[in-house]
Amino acid sequence: MALPGVHITLGNGSLGQAASYDDGVAGLILTGSAITGKLELNKHYLLGSTKDLITLGISIENNPLIDKEVKAFYSQCGEGAELHLLVVSAATTLTTMCDPAEGSPISTLIQSGGGRIRLLGLNKISPAEYVATLTHGIDEDAITAASKAQQVADSFASKIMPFRIFMPAPAWNGTTDTLFKPNESSYNRVAFVLASDAKVSNVYPAAIGMVLGRAAKAEAQQCLGRVRFGSLASQGYFTSGHDFLEKGALSQALDAAGYIFFINYPSKNGCYLNGNPMATPATDDYCELNNGRIIDKAMCITYNTYISEIMDNVEVDEMGALSSGVCKNFEGMIENAINASMGNQISSFSAYVNPKQNVLSTKTLEIACSIVPLGVLKRIEVTLAFSNPARG
């Protein structure tokens, strides 16, 4: 017999609270110089504000690119945001940064970040002796790097560590003749940034930190060109060094090619982004960054929802098929998890478990999940005319 007293058992799980998914965590790989006793090359650093630049001894004099990019990042998403930083030598190319080999800069940063990084920016200022090859209008190094970056990103995505990459389009020659077209590639985890926010060391590097900060601030479903965010800066350029308004006549062609760059809107001051295209054709479901981020988030939620079910038992009926209760349970698990964490980021979500699966033989459960994303208004067409009521 139990001892006298009042015994209370605490219930749990009834509130239906969702797990937190930090889908805006960002990383930067930049060229720069080591600072004795403070900043080492090829080492992972976790930043929380621009004050960490002082701690690391970074200034506009000794590391102008890092100073610019980190400040631009926090100018968009605000102090306190999580930023993972890796600095490589000035001679390091984008292609070397993105090498698929173990221990490469990109692999080191993603692994050191514990798989939290969802948005990655790369940028460089090459040494004076470096000569860019502009056969396709921008530095060939970026084009080669994109292929390797996609390979690395695909590899980490298979480990449920997905991320999307902002690649600079350096040294643009200012024309669209023979220009590389990202949307004719197959790199749906890579976006090419043709916008530049400032002159640094006599060049105009891509505005990677600024665009990365805008992405980190935005929700996964939101386009980086969303006008309600406000302008990114009062003045902007292309990586050719031209003022962004000066090359406005090429905006249509550059947008059609699949680059991210600054545009302006009449009656609105400042620089806005034309959107967030990825380096892949329009027929790719993930040709826009926002759709890619949504699917990455859903993938992580799905994994976390079902991983605990591995090696567990499931009930089957007398014919060896899954019982209705089991099917509904597995459908409900993911539907509840997705709706709780992404309910306002998608239009709808559904899951289906076919009961006629031979789980006894295959030991595999197949679940079909479907997301209907939110639409993005890129253009609004309005018919506006006078009307004379007296004319009927």
Foldseek 3Di string as FASTA:
>chain_A
DDDDDDDDDDDDDPVLAFDDAQLLAEEEEEEFDQDPPAGDALDKDKAQFLVVCVRRVHDCVRGVVVNQLRNLLCVQQHGGGIYIYHYHHQADFLQQQLALDPSGVVNSRCVVVVLNHAEYEYWHDHDPPDDADCQQQFGVSQVNNLVSNLVNQVVVVVVLSHHAYETERAQGQLDNVSHQQLAADARLRYAYAFKFADDRPNFGMGNRSNLSSLSSNDDLQDWQQPCVSPASFQWIATRNRHTPVVSVVCVVVNVVSGHWYWDDDPPGGHTGILTAAGSHHPVDQSRHRSSVSLVSVLVNLLCVQCVVVPPPDADADPVQWGDPVRFVVSFVSSQSNCCNHCVVFFDHKGKGWDRPDNCVVPVDTDMDMDTHGDDDDSDDDDDDDDDDPVVD
